[in-house]
Amino acid sequence: MKIAFVSDAAFPWHVGGVEKTERMEAEALARTNEVHFFSFMWKGMRKEFTDKKIQYHCSHYLTDNEFYRHKRRSVREAILFSLMVWRLFNYRFDVVQANAFPILHLPVVKFYCRINRCKLVFDVAEVWSREHWIGYLGPIAGRVVSWYANWALSGADAYISNPGLTEKGLVNIGVKKRKIHVFTPIVDDREMRSVKAGQHKGLVVISGRLIKEKRFDKWLGVIKEVSEITKVKAIIVGDGPEKANIKTTINALGLQKVATVRGYFKSKKEIYKLVKSASLLLNMSEREGLSALTLESISLGTPVVLPDYSPIPDMVKEMCVASSEEQLPDVISKIINGDKRKFIRNIKNLDRFKTSNIGSFYNMLFKGMKEKSVY
């Protein structure tokens, strides 16, 4: 079978939870199928190349500063990506799986699939409400884009959705529930078992894109309160438009000896070692369709602490420690000074996110679309 993945960012050249998931899926499918990947060209990539049996087709070179403008995804780059997607017409595929964001390219993908009688799968990490779009783009553009996004998301043969709010959001915009398949293969169970690390009592960590929705201001505020209760060390790993503001906040709160910010590790195994060694991972994000690092942390035996407002799906939140913002410092202090393993709950929920289940999922998905088995 010939399968195409369409996504503006590609792991490991651009780091992100969605990108990593797409890479795992593409690698698994490429073992027995012809798999192509259409993306922007990030540092370390070439226009045309093959990696792990995946054939990459890239457009112009892009940096994070161009990908994000004015602290949000670049509209200019979204337009350029939608133009790049026309390259699909140079090939004939049986199935196209497209990342739903950045939305503008979806009509091109739908047109390709209709012309070529190809099955279409949308991979949807989040479904934004009209209010969210208005807050993101303003009252006029937000309303227009909200309508456009709902229309663009319609018409696929199947949808791969995060559990919880994303699944409900798709139903709310009119997608038939029978077309929605909840599956997010994030945790490489074999790789997690191979990670070895000592224990650093009192270490609190987080990693990811440094954007305002991650609420690092609140994150550092909680760390400040914890430092007044017990000994703590905090590390933020990542890069992004909020980096300067985070450093300013660290200085303003007098946390220079407690909290540090560092760039991404060259090897993903290094971040896994850091997380495994920590007492806990603190995730204060107010916009999180599904947090890959949260699931990986739990798999590594490090508990995750969340504010009770976290939009993370229930089946993930059930494995974490969630409490009100006011209680977070006391909760964190309790974990630091206790046995961290006792604060991981409902570990059986993790099975829904293991990469070892990719093959059986796609066989089920393609069978439902009346396509042949991929394994």
Protein backbone atom coordinates (compact mmCIF):
# COMPACT_ATOMS: atom_id res chain seq x y z
CA MET A 1 0.00 0.00 0.00
CA LYS A 2 1.19 3.56 -0.74
CA ILE A 3 0.63 5.92 2.18
CA ALA A 4 1.36 9.66 2.46
CA PHE A 5 1.76 11.67 5.65
CA VAL A 6 1.20 15.43 5.34
CA SER A 7 2.50 17.61 8.17
CA ASP A 8 4.33 20.95 8.19
CA ALA A 9 6.80 19.77 10.87
CA ALA A 10 8.73 16.50 11.04
CA PHE A 11 10.38 14.76 13.99
CA PRO A 12 13.24 14.55 14.93
CA TRP A 13 14.22 17.70 12.99
CA HIS A 14 11.42 19.63 14.69
CA VAL A 15 10.61 18.50 18.23
CA GLY A 16 7.01 18.17 19.36
CA GLY A 17 4.55 15.61 20.66
CA VAL A 18 2.42 15.46 17.50
CA GLU A 19 5.51 15.30 15.30
CA LYS A 20 6.97 12.47 17.34
CA THR A 21 3.72 10.50 17.13
CA GLU A 22 3.59 10.92 13.34
CA ARG A 23 7.17 9.70 13.05
CA MET A 24 6.43 6.58 15.11
CA GLU A 25 3.37 5.80 12.98
CA ALA A 26 5.25 6.39 9.72
CA GLU A 27 8.18 4.21 10.83
CA ALA A 28 5.87 1.36 11.80
CA LEU A 29 3.92 1.53 8.53
CA ALA A 30 7.09 1.83 6.43
CA ARG A 31 8.19 -1.66 7.48
CA THR A 32 5.63 -3.24 5.13
CA ASN A 33 4.33 -0.33 3.01
CA GLU A 34 5.62 2.48 0.77
CA VAL A 35 5.44 5.58 2.99
CA HIS A 36 6.01 9.20 1.92
CA PHE A 37 6.15 12.30 4.14
CA PHE A 38 5.45 15.86 2.91
CA SER A 39 6.82 18.63 5.14
CA PHE A 40 8.72 21.89 5.40
CA MET A 41 12.50 21.49 5.32
CA TRP A 42 13.96 21.89 8.80
CA LYS A 43 17.63 22.05 9.80
CA GLY A 44 19.32 18.75 8.96
CA MET A 45 16.81 17.83 6.23
CA ARG A 46 17.18 17.88 2.44
CA LYS A 47 14.66 18.51 -0.31
CA GLU A 48 14.33 14.80 -1.11
CA PHE A 49 15.71 11.96 1.02
CA THR A 50 14.85 8.66 2.67
CA ASP A 51 15.16 7.97 6.40
CA LYS A 52 14.05 4.75 8.15
CA LYS A 53 12.40 3.72 4.83
CA ILE A 54 10.26 6.90 4.85
CA GLN A 55 10.56 8.99 1.66
CA TYR A 56 10.61 12.70 2.59
CA HIS A 57 9.54 15.48 0.21
CA CYS A 58 10.33 18.94 1.60
CA SER A 59 9.62 22.49 0.49
CA HIS A 60 11.61 25.57 1.51
CA TYR A 61 13.87 25.75 4.58
CA LEU A 62 12.18 26.97 7.76
CA THR A 63 13.29 28.02 11.25
CA ASP A 64 11.33 28.30 14.48
CA ASN A 65 11.44 32.10 14.23
CA GLU A 66 9.66 31.88 10.88
CA PHE A 67 7.30 29.11 12.02
CA TYR A 68 6.08 31.29 14.91
CA ARG A 69 5.46 35.01 14.40
CA HIS A 70 4.06 37.37 17.02
CA LYS A 71 4.06 34.43 19.47
CA ARG A 72 1.68 32.34 17.33
CA ARG A 73 1.83 30.10 14.29
CA SER A 74 2.75 32.06 11.16
CA VAL A 75 -0.16 32.61 8.76
CA ARG A 76 2.34 33.24 5.95
CA GLU A 77 3.96 29.84 6.48
CA ALA A 78 0.56 28.15 6.68
CA ILE A 79 -0.27 29.60 3.25
CA LEU A 80 3.07 28.46 1.84
CA PHE A 81 2.51 24.97 3.21
CA SER A 82 -0.92 24.75 1.58
CA LEU A 83 0.77 25.58 -1.75
CA MET A 84 3.48 22.98 -1.12
CA VAL A 85 0.85 20.28 -0.61
CA TRP A 86 -0.09 20.47 -4.30
CA ARG A 87 3.02 18.31 -4.81
CA LEU A 88 0.83 15.37 -3.81
CA PHE A 89 -0.51 15.40 -7.37
CA ASN A 90 2.86 14.12 -8.61
CA TYR A 91 2.11 10.78 -6.92
CA ARG A 92 -0.71 8.26 -6.55
CA PHE A 93 -1.48 7.12 -2.99
CA ASP A 94 -3.98 4.69 -1.52
CA VAL A 95 -4.24 6.58 1.79
CA VAL A 96 -3.29 10.12 2.87
CA GLN A 97 -2.99 10.95 6.57
CA ALA A 98 -2.89 14.71 7.14
CA ASN A 99 -2.16 16.61 10.33
CA ALA A 100 -5.17 18.89 10.82
CA PHE A 101 -3.04 21.92 11.67
CA PRO A 102 -2.42 24.52 10.28
CA ILE A 103 -5.89 24.03 8.67
CA LEU A 104 -5.29 25.99 5.42
CA HIS A 105 -3.90 22.97 3.56
CA LEU A 106 -6.84 20.65 4.26
CA PRO A 107 -8.98 21.61 1.22
CA VAL A 108 -6.03 20.80 -1.08
CA VAL A 109 -5.63 17.38 0.55
CA LYS A 110 -9.38 16.71 0.27
CA PHE A 111 -9.36 17.72 -3.40
CA TYR A 112 -6.42 15.38 -4.10
CA CYS A 113 -8.17 12.45 -2.42
CA ARG A 114 -11.43 13.08 -4.25
CA ILE A 115 -9.74 13.30 -7.67
CA ASN A 116 -7.63 10.20 -7.07
CA ARG A 117 -10.25 8.21 -5.16
CA CYS A 118 -7.85 7.96 -2.27
CA LYS A 119 -8.84 7.39 1.37
CA LEU A 120 -8.32 10.39 3.65
CA VAL A 121 -7.45 10.34 7.35
CA PHE A 122 -7.25 13.51 9.45
CA ASP A 123 -5.00 13.39 12.50
CA VAL A 124 -6.58 15.83 14.97
CA ALA A 125 -4.79 16.84 18.17
CA GLU A 126 -7.16 19.70 19.09
CA VAL A 127 -10.49 21.17 18.00
CA TRP A 128 -10.71 24.84 18.89
CA SER A 129 -13.98 26.53 19.81
CA ARG A 130 -15.03 29.83 18.23
CA GLU A 131 -14.13 31.58 21.47
CA HIS A 132 -10.61 30.14 21.34
CA TRP A 133 -10.13 31.28 17.76
CA ILE A 134 -11.35 34.77 18.67
CA GLY A 135 -8.88 34.92 21.55
CA TYR A 136 -6.12 33.76 19.19
CA LEU A 137 -6.84 35.94 16.14
CA GLY A 138 -9.25 38.66 17.29
CA PRO A 139 -13.05 39.09 16.95
CA ILE A 140 -13.36 39.31 13.14
CA ALA A 141 -10.61 36.99 11.91
CA GLY A 142 -11.36 34.57 14.75
CA ARG A 143 -15.01 34.12 13.70
CA VAL A 144 -14.10 33.67 10.03
CA VAL A 145 -11.34 31.16 10.74
CA SER A 146 -13.54 29.25 13.20
CA TRP A 147 -16.14 28.71 10.46
CA TYR A 148 -13.42 27.82 7.94
CA ALA A 149 -11.74 25.36 10.32
CA ASN A 150 -14.99 23.50 11.00
CA TRP A 151 -15.69 23.26 7.26
CA ALA A 152 -12.10 22.21 6.44
CA LEU A 153 -12.21 19.42 9.04
CA SER A 154 -15.29 17.86 7.48
CA GLY A 155 -15.35 15.14 4.84
CA ALA A 156 -12.53 12.78 5.82
CA ASP A 157 -13.00 9.00 5.68
CA ALA A 158 -11.61 8.63 9.20
CA TYR A 159 -10.26 10.72 12.06
CA ILE A 160 -7.49 9.86 14.50
CA SER A 161 -8.30 11.78 17.64
CA ASN A 162 -6.89 12.43 21.06
CA PRO A 163 -9.29 11.25 23.79
CA GLY A 164 -11.52 13.58 25.76
CA LEU A 165 -12.03 17.15 24.56
CA THR A 166 -10.74 16.54 21.02
CA GLU A 167 -13.11 13.65 20.42
CA LYS A 168 -16.02 15.68 21.80
CA GLY A 169 -15.00 18.68 19.70
CA LEU A 170 -15.14 16.63 16.50
CA VAL A 171 -18.61 15.36 17.37
CA ASN A 172 -19.72 18.93 18.13
CA ILE A 173 -18.74 20.14 14.64
CA GLY A 174 -20.70 17.34 13.00
CA VAL A 175 -18.21 14.49 12.52
CA LYS A 176 -19.93 11.11 12.84
CA LYS A 177 -18.72 9.25 15.89
CA ARG A 178 -18.19 6.01 13.92
CA LYS A 179 -15.48 7.80 11.93
CA ILE A 180 -13.51 8.86 15.03
CA HIS A 181 -10.78 6.54 16.28
CA VAL A 182 -9.17 7.44 19.59
CA PHE A 183 -5.51 6.49 19.46
CA THR A 184 -2.29 8.30 20.26
CA PRO A 185 0.81 6.05 20.18
CA ILE A 186 3.22 8.20 22.14
CA VAL A 187 5.01 5.90 24.56
CA ASP A 188 7.71 3.65 23.13
CA ASP A 189 7.46 1.03 25.86
CA ARG A 190 10.65 -0.73 24.80
CA GLU A 191 12.67 2.50 24.81
CA MET A 192 11.28 3.57 28.19
CA ARG A 193 12.40 0.30 29.77
CA SER A 194 15.97 0.88 28.55
CA VAL A 195 16.37 4.29 30.26
CA LYS A 196 18.63 4.23 33.31
CA ALA A 197 19.10 7.20 35.67
CA GLY A 198 19.94 7.99 39.27
CA GLN A 199 17.52 9.85 41.51
CA HIS A 200 17.72 13.61 42.12
CA LYS A 201 15.50 14.29 45.14
CA GLY A 202 13.73 17.62 44.92
CA LEU A 203 14.12 18.04 41.15
CA VAL A 204 11.04 19.38 39.32
CA VAL A 205 11.14 19.43 35.50
CA ILE A 206 9.19 20.38 32.39
CA SER A 207 10.12 20.36 28.71
CA GLY A 208 8.49 21.71 25.58
CA ARG A 209 7.86 24.70 23.36
CA LEU A 210 8.23 27.90 25.43
CA ILE A 211 4.93 29.61 24.64
CA LYS A 212 2.57 31.60 26.84
CA GLU A 213 -0.14 28.90 26.81
CA LYS A 214 2.23 26.68 28.81
CA ARG A 215 1.89 29.20 31.69
CA PHE A 216 5.51 29.28 32.80
CA ASP A 217 4.67 32.37 34.87
CA LYS A 218 2.40 30.23 37.03
CA TRP A 219 4.90 27.35 36.90
CA LEU A 220 7.63 29.54 38.38
CA GLY A 221 5.20 31.02 40.90
CA VAL A 222 4.49 27.53 42.21
CA ILE A 223 8.22 26.73 42.37
CA LYS A 224 8.77 29.93 44.37
CA GLU A 225 6.21 28.78 46.96
CA VAL A 226 7.68 25.27 47.08
CA SER A 227 11.17 26.72 47.70
CA GLU A 228 9.79 28.35 50.85
CA ILE A 229 8.61 24.96 52.15
CA THR A 230 11.32 22.50 51.15
CA LYS A 231 14.53 22.16 49.15
CA VAL A 232 13.77 22.16 45.43
CA LYS A 233 15.59 22.45 42.10
CA ALA A 234 13.68 23.31 38.90
CA ILE A 235 14.70 22.86 35.26
CA ILE A 236 12.80 24.09 32.20
CA VAL A 237 13.97 22.47 28.96
CA GLY A 238 13.00 23.99 25.62
CA ASP A 239 13.01 27.03 23.38
CA GLY A 240 10.46 29.47 22.04
CA PRO A 241 9.12 33.04 22.12
CA GLU A 242 8.63 33.10 25.91
CA LYS A 243 12.25 32.28 26.75
CA ALA A 244 13.26 35.88 27.57
CA ASN A 245 10.13 36.41 29.69
CA ILE A 246 10.82 33.21 31.63
CA LYS A 247 14.35 34.34 32.45
CA THR A 248 13.04 37.74 33.51
CA THR A 249 10.48 36.06 35.80
CA ILE A 250 13.17 33.87 37.36
CA ASN A 251 15.15 37.00 38.26
CA ALA A 252 12.08 38.88 39.49
CA LEU A 253 11.14 36.02 41.84
CA GLY A 254 14.69 35.61 43.09
CA LEU A 255 14.92 32.04 41.80
CA GLN A 256 18.38 32.31 40.22
CA LYS A 257 19.74 29.56 42.48
CA VAL A 258 16.63 27.38 42.14
CA ALA A 259 15.36 27.49 38.55
CA THR A 260 17.25 27.25 35.25
CA VAL A 261 16.28 27.28 31.58
CA ARG A 262 18.22 25.24 29.04
CA GLY A 263 17.79 24.34 25.38
CA TYR A 264 16.64 21.02 24.01
CA PHE A 265 18.95 18.04 24.45
CA LYS A 266 20.62 16.68 21.32
CA SER A 267 19.36 13.19 22.18
CA LYS A 268 15.83 12.40 23.31
CA LYS A 269 17.32 9.81 25.66
CA GLU A 270 18.90 12.66 27.64
CA ILE A 271 15.54 14.26 28.39
CA TYR A 272 14.21 10.85 29.38
CA LYS A 273 17.13 10.44 31.82
CA LEU A 274 16.41 13.87 33.29
CA VAL A 275 12.71 13.10 33.72
CA LYS A 276 13.39 9.67 35.20
CA SER A 277 15.79 11.19 37.74
CA ALA A 278 13.33 13.90 38.83
CA SER A 279 10.97 13.81 41.79
CA LEU A 280 8.13 14.97 39.55
CA LEU A 281 7.09 16.70 36.35
CA LEU A 282 4.96 19.83 36.78
CA ASN A 283 2.69 20.73 33.84
CA MET A 284 0.79 24.02 34.17
CA SER A 285 -0.33 24.27 30.53
CA GLU A 286 -3.80 25.69 29.95
CA ARG A 287 -3.95 24.40 26.37
CA GLU A 288 -2.85 20.81 26.01
CA GLY A 289 -4.68 18.44 23.70
CA LEU A 290 -2.52 15.59 24.90
CA SER A 291 0.88 15.87 26.53
CA ALA A 292 3.43 13.37 25.20
CA LEU A 293 5.89 14.22 27.96
CA THR A 294 3.25 13.62 30.63
CA LEU A 295 2.71 10.08 29.38
CA GLU A 296 6.42 9.44 28.97
CA SER A 297 7.07 10.70 32.50
CA ILE A 298 4.53 8.29 33.92
CA SER A 299 6.04 5.46 31.89
CA LEU A 300 9.46 6.39 33.31
CA GLY A 301 8.13 6.15 36.87
CA THR A 302 8.04 9.90 37.58
CA PRO A 303 4.69 11.30 38.76
CA VAL A 304 3.06 14.26 37.03
CA VAL A 305 1.43 17.14 38.90
CA LEU A 306 -1.30 19.19 37.22
CA PRO A 307 -3.60 22.07 38.19
CA ASP A 308 -7.22 20.91 38.26
CA TYR A 309 -8.05 23.22 35.32
CA SER A 310 -5.76 21.22 33.01
CA PRO A 311 -7.55 20.24 29.75
CA ILE A 312 -5.54 17.00 29.52
CA PRO A 313 -7.93 14.06 28.79
CA ASP A 314 -9.46 12.29 31.76
CA MET A 315 -7.75 8.95 31.06
CA VAL A 316 -4.39 10.75 31.34
CA LYS A 317 -5.38 12.98 34.24
CA GLU A 318 -6.45 9.88 36.19
CA MET A 319 -2.81 8.77 36.23
CA CYS A 320 -1.58 12.15 37.53
CA VAL A 321 -1.89 14.20 40.72
CA ALA A 322 -4.29 17.08 40.07
CA SER A 323 -5.19 19.74 42.60
CA SER A 324 -6.12 23.42 42.89
CA GLU A 325 -3.36 25.94 42.25
CA GLU A 326 -3.42 26.95 45.91
CA GLN A 327 -2.65 23.40 47.02
CA LEU A 328 0.05 22.64 44.44
CA PRO A 329 3.04 23.75 46.58
CA ASP A 330 1.98 21.45 49.43
CA VAL A 331 1.31 18.57 47.01
CA ILE A 332 4.73 18.97 45.41
CA SER A 333 6.46 19.15 48.78
CA LYS A 334 4.71 15.93 49.82
CA ILE A 335 5.92 14.11 46.69
CA ILE A 336 9.48 15.42 47.05
CA ASN A 337 9.68 14.13 50.60
CA GLY A 338 7.92 10.83 49.95
CA ASP A 339 8.08 7.80 47.67
CA LYS A 340 7.34 9.20 44.21
CA ARG A 341 6.13 5.84 42.85
CA LYS A 342 3.11 5.97 45.13
CA PHE A 343 1.84 9.07 43.35
CA ILE A 344 1.32 7.38 39.96
CA ARG A 345 -2.25 6.13 39.66
CA ASN A 346 -4.31 4.00 37.27
CA ILE A 347 -1.17 2.91 35.41
CA LYS A 348 -3.25 0.52 33.27
CA ASN A 349 -4.52 3.56 31.34
CA LEU A 350 -1.05 3.83 29.80
CA ASP A 351 -1.72 0.83 27.55
CA ARG A 352 -3.82 3.04 25.22
CA PHE A 353 -0.71 5.06 24.33
CA LYS A 354 1.94 2.40 23.70
CA THR A 355 3.59 2.30 20.29
CA SER A 356 3.55 -1.49 20.33
CA ASN A 357 -0.16 -1.20 19.45
CA ILE A 358 0.37 0.78 16.20
CA GLY A 359 0.12 -2.22 13.86
CA SER A 360 -3.15 -3.54 15.23
CA PHE A 361 -4.66 -0.05 15.24
CA TYR A 362 -3.91 0.65 11.57
CA ASN A 363 -5.15 -2.77 10.52
CA MET A 364 -8.43 -1.96 12.26
CA LEU A 365 -8.54 1.56 10.79
CA PHE A 366 -7.87 0.50 7.20
CA LYS A 367 -10.23 -2.44 7.46
CA GLY A 368 -12.95 0.01 8.50
CA MET A 369 -12.24 2.05 5.36
CA LYS A 370 -12.22 -1.20 3.34
CA GLU A 371 -8.51 -0.96 2.61
CA LYS A 372 -6.19 -3.96 2.74
CA SER A 373 -4.21 -4.96 5.83
CA VAL A 374 -0.92 -3.11 6.35
CA TYR A 375 0.79 -5.85 8.40
